[in-house]
Amino acid sequence: MATLQEKLALLKDLEEENESVQSEIDDLMTEMARVPSEQRSVSEWGPKGTRTTRFIELSERQAELAEEIKLVTQAIGKEKPPKTVN
């Protein structure tokens, strides 16, 4: 079983990856906003376009990360505080 510190380190890694994924999603959204809406369906933003595919991949990874973060956070919450010596 993972120690509390290992769980905290994992949570930190997951949150950093989530921030990175969100940043890339934000960049893609900004890029898409620059493309006229009538041109999106025939460009990289079309249904099979590379940008659409990447956006979907990132969105799916973000959902996975959210679930992993939830599980790790719950596991951390179940940790008993260390005993103190008086």
PDB file of N, CA and C in Angstrom:
ATOM      1  N   MET A   1       0.845  -1.182   0.000  1.00  0.00           N
ATOM      2  CA  MET A   1       0.000   0.000   0.000  1.00  0.00           C
ATOM      3  C   MET A   1       0.890   1.246   0.000  1.00  0.00           C
ATOM      4  N   ALA A   2       0.498   2.248  -0.728  1.00  0.00           N
ATOM      5  CA  ALA A   2       1.274   3.480  -0.842  1.00  0.00           C
ATOM      6  C   ALA A   2       1.209   4.280   0.458  1.00  0.00           C
ATOM      7  N   THR A   3       2.311   4.909   0.755  1.00  0.00           N
ATOM      8  CA  THR A   3       2.349   5.763   1.943  1.00  0.00           C
ATOM      9  C   THR A   3       1.636   7.070   1.641  1.00  0.00           C
ATOM     10  N   LEU A   4       1.376   7.815   2.690  1.00  0.00           N
ATOM     11  CA  LEU A   4       0.727   9.115   2.521  1.00  0.00           C
ATOM     12  C   LEU A   4       1.584  10.011   1.630  1.00  0.00           C
ATOM     13  N   GLN A   5       2.885  10.003   1.849  1.00  0.00           N
ATOM     14  CA  GLN A   5       3.745  10.854   1.038  1.00  0.00           C
ATOM     15  C   GLN A   5       3.742  10.442  -0.435  1.00  0.00           C
ATOM     16  N   GLU A   6       3.660   9.143  -0.687  1.00  0.00           N
ATOM     17  CA  GLU A   6       3.577   8.674  -2.074  1.00  0.00           C
ATOM     18  C   GLU A   6       2.260   9.118  -2.705  1.00  0.00           C
ATOM     19  N   LYS A   7       1.190   9.062  -1.940  1.00  0.00           N
ATOM     20  CA  LYS A   7      -0.112   9.503  -2.443  1.00  0.00           C
ATOM     21  C   LYS A   7      -0.105  11.004  -2.721  1.00  0.00           C
ATOM     22  N   LEU A   8       0.515  11.763  -1.832  1.00  0.00           N
ATOM     23  CA  LEU A   8       0.599  13.219  -2.038  1.00  0.00           C
ATOM     24  C   LEU A   8       1.439  13.540  -3.267  1.00  0.00           C
ATOM     25  N   ALA A   9       2.520  12.798  -3.466  1.00  0.00           N
ATOM     26  CA  ALA A   9       3.360  13.007  -4.648  1.00  0.00           C
ATOM     27  C   ALA A   9       2.590  12.663  -5.916  1.00  0.00           C
ATOM     28  N   LEU A  10       1.838  11.567  -5.880  1.00  0.00           N
ATOM     29  CA  LEU A  10       1.020  11.176  -7.021  1.00  0.00           C
ATOM     30  C   LEU A  10      -0.030  12.241  -7.315  1.00  0.00           C
ATOM     31  N   LEU A  11      -0.672  12.750  -6.273  1.00  0.00           N
ATOM     32  CA  LEU A  11      -1.675  13.795  -6.447  1.00  0.00           C
ATOM     33  C   LEU A  11      -1.056  15.024  -7.095  1.00  0.00           C
ATOM     34  N   LYS A  12       0.121  15.399  -6.649  1.00  0.00           N
ATOM     35  CA  LYS A  12       0.817  16.554  -7.223  1.00  0.00           C
ATOM     36  C   LYS A  12       1.096  16.319  -8.708  1.00  0.00           C
ATOM     37  N   ASP A  13       1.589  15.130  -9.066  1.00  0.00           N
ATOM     38  CA  ASP A  13       1.861  14.805 -10.462  1.00  0.00           C
ATOM     39  C   ASP A  13       0.594  14.850 -11.310  1.00  0.00           C
ATOM     40  N   LEU A  14      -0.484  14.296 -10.783  1.00  0.00           N
ATOM     41  CA  LEU A  14      -1.760  14.298 -11.509  1.00  0.00           C
ATOM     42  C   LEU A  14      -2.265  15.722 -11.716  1.00  0.00           C
ATOM     43  N   GLU A  15      -2.158  16.540 -10.694  1.00  0.00           N
ATOM     44  CA  GLU A  15      -2.627  17.928 -10.803  1.00  0.00           C
ATOM     45  C   GLU A  15      -1.770  18.711 -11.793  1.00  0.00           C
ATOM     46  N   GLU A  16      -0.463  18.461 -11.808  1.00  0.00           N
ATOM     47  CA  GLU A  16       0.411  19.141 -12.774  1.00  0.00           C
ATOM     48  C   GLU A  16       0.070  18.719 -14.200  1.00  0.00           C
ATOM     49  N   GLU A  17      -0.164  17.420 -14.392  1.00  0.00           N
ATOM     50  CA  GLU A  17      -0.547  16.961 -15.722  1.00  0.00           C
ATOM     51  C   GLU A  17      -1.882  17.570 -16.133  1.00  0.00           C
ATOM     52  N   ASN A  18      -2.812  17.647 -15.197  1.00  0.00           N
ATOM     53  CA  ASN A  18      -4.112  18.239 -15.486  1.00  0.00           C
ATOM     54  C   ASN A  18      -3.970  19.706 -15.901  1.00  0.00           C
ATOM     55  N   GLU A  19      -3.106  20.427 -15.222  1.00  0.00           N
ATOM     56  CA  GLU A  19      -2.867  21.834 -15.586  1.00  0.00           C
ATOM     57  C   GLU A  19      -2.279  21.926 -16.991  1.00  0.00           C
ATOM     58  N   SER A  20      -1.361  21.023 -17.317  1.00  0.00           N
ATOM     59  CA  SER A  20      -0.754  21.005 -18.643  1.00  0.00           C
ATOM     60  C   SER A  20      -1.791  20.706 -19.721  1.00  0.00           C
ATOM     61  N   VAL A  21      -2.629  19.718 -19.457  1.00  0.00           N
ATOM     62  CA  VAL A  21      -3.690  19.363 -20.404  1.00  0.00           C
ATOM     63  C   VAL A  21      -4.645  20.537 -20.579  1.00  0.00           C
ATOM     64  N   GLN A  22      -5.029  21.185 -19.480  1.00  0.00           N
ATOM     65  CA  GLN A  22      -5.940  22.328 -19.562  1.00  0.00           C
ATOM     66  C   GLN A  22      -5.322  23.461 -20.359  1.00  0.00           C
ATOM     67  N   SER A  23      -4.029  23.680 -20.171  1.00  0.00           N
ATOM     68  CA  SER A  23      -3.339  24.726 -20.920  1.00  0.00           C
ATOM     69  C   SER A  23      -3.366  24.434 -22.416  1.00  0.00           C
ATOM     70  N   GLU A  24      -3.125  23.176 -22.773  1.00  0.00           N
ATOM     71  CA  GLU A  24      -3.153  22.819 -24.189  1.00  0.00           C
ATOM     72  C   GLU A  24      -4.571  22.943 -24.756  1.00  0.00           C
ATOM     73  N   ILE A  25      -5.572  22.569 -23.974  1.00  0.00           N
ATOM     74  CA  ILE A  25      -6.964  22.739 -24.406  1.00  0.00           C
ATOM     75  C   ILE A  25      -7.259  24.222 -24.619  1.00  0.00           C
ATOM     76  N   ASP A  26      -6.822  25.061 -23.690  1.00  0.00           N
ATOM     77  CA  ASP A  26      -7.039  26.501 -23.826  1.00  0.00           C
ATOM     78  C   ASP A  26      -6.390  27.037 -25.098  1.00  0.00           C
ATOM     79  N   ASP A  27      -5.167  26.561 -25.381  1.00  0.00           N
ATOM     80  CA  ASP A  27      -4.463  26.991 -26.600  1.00  0.00           C
ATOM     81  C   ASP A  27      -5.237  26.570 -27.847  1.00  0.00           C
ATOM     82  N   LEU A  28      -5.742  25.345 -27.834  1.00  0.00           N
ATOM     83  CA  LEU A  28      -6.518  24.875 -28.987  1.00  0.00           C
ATOM     84  C   LEU A  28      -7.802  25.682 -29.157  1.00  0.00           C
ATOM     85  N   MET A  29      -8.439  26.011 -28.049  1.00  0.00           N
ATOM     86  CA  MET A  29      -9.669  26.805 -28.126  1.00  0.00           C
ATOM     87  C   MET A  29      -9.380  28.197 -28.699  1.00  0.00           C
ATOM     88  N   THR A  30      -8.276  28.778 -28.275  1.00  0.00           N
ATOM     89  CA  THR A  30      -7.882  30.093 -28.800  1.00  0.00           C
ATOM     90  C   THR A  30      -7.608  30.002 -30.294  1.00  0.00           C
ATOM     91  N   GLU A  31      -6.907  28.948 -30.677  1.00  0.00           N
ATOM     92  CA  GLU A  31      -6.603  28.730 -32.093  1.00  0.00           C
ATOM     93  C   GLU A  31      -7.887  28.546 -32.905  1.00  0.00           C
ATOM     94  N   MET A  32      -8.803  27.740 -32.378  1.00  0.00           N
ATOM     95  CA  MET A  32     -10.059  27.496 -33.092  1.00  0.00           C
ATOM     96  C   MET A  32     -10.870  28.785 -33.235  1.00  0.00           C
ATOM     97  N   ALA A  33     -10.830  29.622 -32.220  1.00  0.00           N
ATOM     98  CA  ALA A  33     -11.599  30.869 -32.264  1.00  0.00           C
ATOM     99  C   ALA A  33     -11.127  31.783 -33.391  1.00  0.00           C
ATOM    100  N   ARG A  34      -9.881  31.613 -33.800  1.00  0.00           N
ATOM    101  CA  ARG A  34      -9.333  32.443 -34.881  1.00  0.00           C
ATOM    102  C   ARG A  34      -9.791  31.985 -36.268  1.00  0.00           C
ATOM    103  N   VAL A  35     -10.270  30.744 -36.348  1.00  0.00           N
ATOM    104  CA  VAL A  35     -10.707  30.199 -37.637  1.00  0.00           C
ATOM    105  C   VAL A  35     -12.180  30.572 -37.827  1.00  0.00           C
ATOM    106  N   PRO A  36     -12.512  31.197 -38.949  1.00  0.00           N
ATOM    107  CA  PRO A  36     -13.915  31.538 -39.194  1.00  0.00           C
ATOM    108  C   PRO A  36     -14.795  30.282 -39.087  1.00  0.00           C
ATOM    109  N   SER A  37     -15.935  30.424 -38.456  1.00  0.00           N
ATOM    110  CA  SER A  37     -16.796  29.263 -38.190  1.00  0.00           C
ATOM    111  C   SER A  37     -17.157  28.493 -39.456  1.00  0.00           C
ATOM    112  N   GLU A  38     -17.345  29.176 -40.565  1.00  0.00           N
ATOM    113  CA  GLU A  38     -17.716  28.488 -41.806  1.00  0.00           C
ATOM    114  C   GLU A  38     -16.565  27.657 -42.378  1.00  0.00           C
ATOM    115  N   GLN A  39     -15.340  27.910 -41.935  1.00  0.00           N
ATOM    116  CA  GLN A  39     -14.181  27.157 -42.421  1.00  0.00           C
ATOM    117  C   GLN A  39     -13.785  26.005 -41.487  1.00  0.00           C
ATOM    118  N   ARG A  40     -14.336  25.969 -40.298  1.00  0.00           N
ATOM    119  CA  ARG A  40     -13.929  24.953 -39.317  1.00  0.00           C
ATOM    120  C   ARG A  40     -14.258  23.530 -39.768  1.00  0.00           C
ATOM    121  N   SER A  41     -15.380  23.353 -40.417  1.00  0.00           N
ATOM    122  CA  SER A  41     -15.802  21.996 -40.774  1.00  0.00           C
ATOM    123  C   SER A  41     -14.959  21.390 -41.896  1.00  0.00           C
ATOM    124  N   VAL A  42     -14.176  22.197 -42.582  1.00  0.00           N
ATOM    125  CA  VAL A  42     -13.367  21.687 -43.690  1.00  0.00           C
ATOM    126  C   VAL A  42     -11.869  21.821 -43.413  1.00  0.00           C
ATOM    127  N   SER A  43     -11.518  22.203 -42.238  1.00  0.00           N
ATOM    128  CA  SER A  43     -10.106  22.390 -41.909  1.00  0.00           C
ATOM    129  C   SER A  43      -9.665  21.353 -40.898  1.00  0.00           C
ATOM    130  N   GLU A  44      -8.568  21.650 -40.238  1.00  0.00           N
ATOM    131  CA  GLU A  44      -8.069  20.780 -39.166  1.00  0.00           C
ATOM    132  C   GLU A  44      -9.091  20.612 -38.057  1.00  0.00           C
ATOM    133  N   TRP A  45     -10.077  21.513 -38.038  1.00  0.00           N
ATOM    134  CA  TRP A  45     -11.127  21.466 -37.014  1.00  0.00           C
ATOM    135  C   TRP A  45     -12.356  20.700 -37.469  1.00  0.00           C
ATOM    136  N   GLY A  46     -12.294  20.109 -38.660  1.00  0.00           N
ATOM    137  CA  GLY A  46     -13.407  19.293 -39.143  1.00  0.00           C
ATOM    138  C   GLY A  46     -13.561  18.029 -38.308  1.00  0.00           C
ATOM    139  N   PRO A  47     -14.603  17.263 -38.548  1.00  0.00           N
ATOM    140  CA  PRO A  47     -14.883  16.069 -37.741  1.00  0.00           C
ATOM    141  C   PRO A  47     -13.712  15.088 -37.640  1.00  0.00           C
ATOM    142  N   LYS A  48     -12.924  14.958 -38.669  1.00  0.00           N
ATOM    143  CA  LYS A  48     -11.777  14.034 -38.663  1.00  0.00           C
ATOM    144  C   LYS A  48     -10.443  14.790 -38.675  1.00  0.00           C
ATOM    145  N   GLY A  49     -10.496  16.079 -38.420  1.00  0.00           N
ATOM    146  CA  GLY A  49      -9.297  16.907 -38.469  1.00  0.00           C
ATOM    147  C   GLY A  49      -8.341  16.629 -37.323  1.00  0.00           C
ATOM    148  N   THR A  50      -7.082  16.972 -37.547  1.00  0.00           N
ATOM    149  CA  THR A  50      -6.048  16.713 -36.538  1.00  0.00           C
ATOM    150  C   THR A  50      -6.284  17.493 -35.251  1.00  0.00           C
ATOM    151  N   ARG A  51      -6.757  18.711 -35.370  1.00  0.00           N
ATOM    152  CA  ARG A  51      -7.000  19.527 -34.177  1.00  0.00           C
ATOM    153  C   ARG A  51      -8.207  19.008 -33.395  1.00  0.00           C
ATOM    154  N   THR A  52      -9.230  18.599 -34.110  1.00  0.00           N
ATOM    155  CA  THR A  52     -10.407  18.026 -33.445  1.00  0.00           C
ATOM    156  C   THR A  52     -10.015  16.746 -32.713  1.00  0.00           C
ATOM    157  N   THR A  53      -9.238  15.915 -33.382  1.00  0.00           N
ATOM    158  CA  THR A  53      -8.787  14.670 -32.772  1.00  0.00           C
ATOM    159  C   THR A  53      -7.964  14.944 -31.519  1.00  0.00           C
ATOM    160  N   ARG A  54      -7.069  15.901 -31.606  1.00  0.00           N
ATOM    161  CA  ARG A  54      -6.235  16.237 -30.444  1.00  0.00           C
ATOM    162  C   ARG A  54      -7.093  16.782 -29.302  1.00  0.00           C
ATOM    163  N   PHE A  55      -8.056  17.612 -29.628  1.00  0.00           N
ATOM    164  CA  PHE A  55      -8.947  18.166 -28.607  1.00  0.00           C
ATOM    165  C   PHE A  55      -9.706  17.043 -27.896  1.00  0.00           C
ATOM    166  N   ILE A  56     -10.186  16.086 -28.653  1.00  0.00           N
ATOM    167  CA  ILE A  56     -10.916  14.953 -28.065  1.00  0.00           C
ATOM    168  C   ILE A  56      -9.990  14.130 -27.174  1.00  0.00           C
ATOM    169  N   GLU A  57      -8.766  13.861 -27.629  1.00  0.00           N
ATOM    170  CA  GLU A  57      -7.804  13.114 -26.826  1.00  0.00           C
ATOM    171  C   GLU A  57      -7.528  13.822 -25.500  1.00  0.00           C
ATOM    172  N   LEU A  58      -7.315  15.123 -25.579  1.00  0.00           N
ATOM    173  CA  LEU A  58      -7.035  15.893 -24.367  1.00  0.00           C
ATOM    174  C   LEU A  58      -8.238  15.902 -23.423  1.00  0.00           C
ATOM    175  N   SER A  59      -9.420  16.039 -23.987  1.00  0.00           N
ATOM    176  CA  SER A  59     -10.634  16.043 -23.165  1.00  0.00           C
ATOM    177  C   SER A  59     -10.819  14.704 -22.462  1.00  0.00           C
ATOM    178  N   GLU A  60     -10.557  13.627 -23.176  1.00  0.00           N
ATOM    179  CA  GLU A  60     -10.665  12.299 -22.566  1.00  0.00           C
ATOM    180  C   GLU A  60      -9.622  12.122 -21.458  1.00  0.00           C
ATOM    181  N   ARG A  61      -8.391  12.583 -21.715  1.00  0.00           N
ATOM    182  CA  ARG A  61      -7.346  12.474 -20.691  1.00  0.00           C
ATOM    183  C   ARG A  61      -7.706  13.314 -19.476  1.00  0.00           C
ATOM    184  N   GLN A  62      -8.282  14.472 -19.702  1.00  0.00           N
ATOM    185  CA  GLN A  62      -8.679  15.332 -18.589  1.00  0.00           C
ATOM    186  C   GLN A  62      -9.744  14.646 -17.733  1.00  0.00           C
ATOM    187  N   ALA A  63     -10.664  13.944 -18.359  1.00  0.00           N
ATOM    188  CA  ALA A  63     -11.684  13.202 -17.611  1.00  0.00           C
ATOM    189  C   ALA A  63     -11.044  12.076 -16.801  1.00  0.00           C
ATOM    190  N   GLU A  64     -10.071  11.383 -17.404  1.00  0.00           N
ATOM    191  CA  GLU A  64      -9.350  10.328 -16.682  1.00  0.00           C
ATOM    192  C   GLU A  64      -8.607  10.910 -15.480  1.00  0.00           C
ATOM    193  N   LEU A  65      -7.944  12.031 -15.695  1.00  0.00           N
ATOM    194  CA  LEU A  65      -7.202  12.671 -14.616  1.00  0.00           C
ATOM    195  C   LEU A  65      -8.128  13.089 -13.486  1.00  0.00           C
ATOM    196  N   ALA A  66      -9.292  13.624 -13.831  1.00  0.00           N
ATOM    197  CA  ALA A  66     -10.249  14.040 -12.806  1.00  0.00           C
ATOM    198  C   ALA A  66     -10.645  12.855 -11.938  1.00  0.00           C
ATOM    199  N   GLU A  67     -10.872  11.710 -12.571  1.00  0.00           N
ATOM    200  CA  GLU A  67     -11.243  10.511 -11.818  1.00  0.00           C
ATOM    201  C   GLU A  67     -10.081  10.035 -10.942  1.00  0.00           C
ATOM    202  N   GLU A  68      -8.863  10.042 -11.496  1.00  0.00           N
ATOM    203  CA  GLU A  68      -7.696   9.629 -10.723  1.00  0.00           C
ATOM    204  C   GLU A  68      -7.464  10.563  -9.539  1.00  0.00           C
ATOM    205  N   ILE A  69      -7.596  11.856  -9.769  1.00  0.00           N
ATOM    206  CA  ILE A  69      -7.429  12.840  -8.693  1.00  0.00           C
ATOM    207  C   ILE A  69      -8.464  12.604  -7.606  1.00  0.00           C
ATOM    208  N   LYS A  70      -9.682  12.335  -8.011  1.00  0.00           N
ATOM    209  CA  LYS A  70     -10.758  12.061  -7.049  1.00  0.00           C
ATOM    210  C   LYS A  70     -10.412  10.850  -6.186  1.00  0.00           C
ATOM    211  N   LEU A  71      -9.957   9.772  -6.818  1.00  0.00           N
ATOM    212  CA  LEU A  71      -9.635   8.551  -6.086  1.00  0.00           C
ATOM    213  C   LEU A  71      -8.461   8.743  -5.128  1.00  0.00           C
ATOM    214  N   VAL A  72      -7.429   9.432  -5.597  1.00  0.00           N
ATOM    215  CA  VAL A  72      -6.265   9.669  -4.742  1.00  0.00           C
ATOM    216  C   VAL A  72      -6.646  10.583  -3.582  1.00  0.00           C
ATOM    217  N   THR A  73      -7.434  11.598  -3.859  1.00  0.00           N
ATOM    218  CA  THR A  73      -7.880  12.517  -2.807  1.00  0.00           C
ATOM    219  C   THR A  73      -8.695  11.769  -1.758  1.00  0.00           C
ATOM    220  N   GLN A  74      -9.558  10.876  -2.200  1.00  0.00           N
ATOM    221  CA  GLN A  74     -10.340  10.070  -1.263  1.00  0.00           C
ATOM    222  C   GLN A  74      -9.429   9.176  -0.424  1.00  0.00           C
ATOM    223  N   ALA A  75      -8.425   8.583  -1.056  1.00  0.00           N
ATOM    224  CA  ALA A  75      -7.493   7.717  -0.331  1.00  0.00           C
ATOM    225  C   ALA A  75      -6.708   8.517   0.701  1.00  0.00           C
ATOM    226  N   ILE A  76      -6.333   9.733   0.341  1.00  0.00           N
ATOM    227  CA  ILE A  76      -5.616  10.597   1.286  1.00  0.00           C
ATOM    228  C   ILE A  76      -6.528  10.948   2.454  1.00  0.00           C
ATOM    229  N   GLY A  77      -7.787  11.204   2.161  1.00  0.00           N
ATOM    230  CA  GLY A  77      -8.754  11.553   3.201  1.00  0.00           C
ATOM    231  C   GLY A  77      -8.999  10.435   4.196  1.00  0.00           C
ATOM    232  N   LYS A  78      -8.764   9.220   3.762  1.00  0.00           N
ATOM    233  CA  LYS A  78      -8.958   8.070   4.641  1.00  0.00           C
ATOM    234  C   LYS A  78      -7.740   7.788   5.522  1.00  0.00           C
ATOM    235  N   GLU A  79      -6.649   8.477   5.241  1.00  0.00           N
ATOM    236  CA  GLU A  79      -5.421   8.279   6.021  1.00  0.00           C
ATOM    237  C   GLU A  79      -5.649   8.704   7.461  1.00  0.00           C
ATOM    238  N   LYS A  80      -5.117   7.936   8.353  1.00  0.00           N
ATOM    239  CA  LYS A  80      -5.168   8.312   9.760  1.00  0.00           C
ATOM    240  C   LYS A  80      -3.960   9.196  10.039  1.00  0.00           C
ATOM    241  N   PRO A  81      -4.156  10.245  10.827  1.00  0.00           N
ATOM    242  CA  PRO A  81      -3.008  11.094  11.139  1.00  0.00           C
ATOM    243  C   PRO A  81      -1.979  10.296  11.918  1.00  0.00           C
ATOM    244  N   PRO A  82      -0.687  10.607  11.721  1.00  0.00           N
ATOM    245  CA  PRO A  82       0.347   9.883  12.445  1.00  0.00           C
ATOM    246  C   PRO A  82       0.235  10.111  13.942  1.00  0.00           C
ATOM    247  N   LYS A  83       0.588   9.086  14.688  1.00  0.00           N
ATOM    248  CA  LYS A  83       0.553   9.211  16.149  1.00  0.00           C
ATOM    249  C   LYS A  83       1.692  10.116  16.583  1.00  0.00           C
ATOM    250  N   THR A  84       1.377  10.950  17.528  1.00  0.00           N
ATOM    251  CA  THR A  84       2.403  11.825  18.079  1.00  0.00           C
ATOM    252  C   THR A  84       2.880  11.260  19.390  1.00  0.00           C
ATOM    253  N   VAL A  85       4.142  11.474  19.660  1.00  0.00           N
ATOM    254  CA  VAL A  85       4.722  11.004  20.900  1.00  0.00           C
ATOM    255  C   VAL A  85       4.814  12.201  21.830  1.00  0.00           C
ATOM    256  N   ASN A  86       4.254  12.045  23.012  1.00  0.00           N
ATOM    257  CA  ASN A  86       4.283  13.146  23.979  1.00  0.00           C
ATOM    258  C   ASN A  86       5.436  12.998  24.924  1.00  0.00           C
TER     259      ASN A  86
END
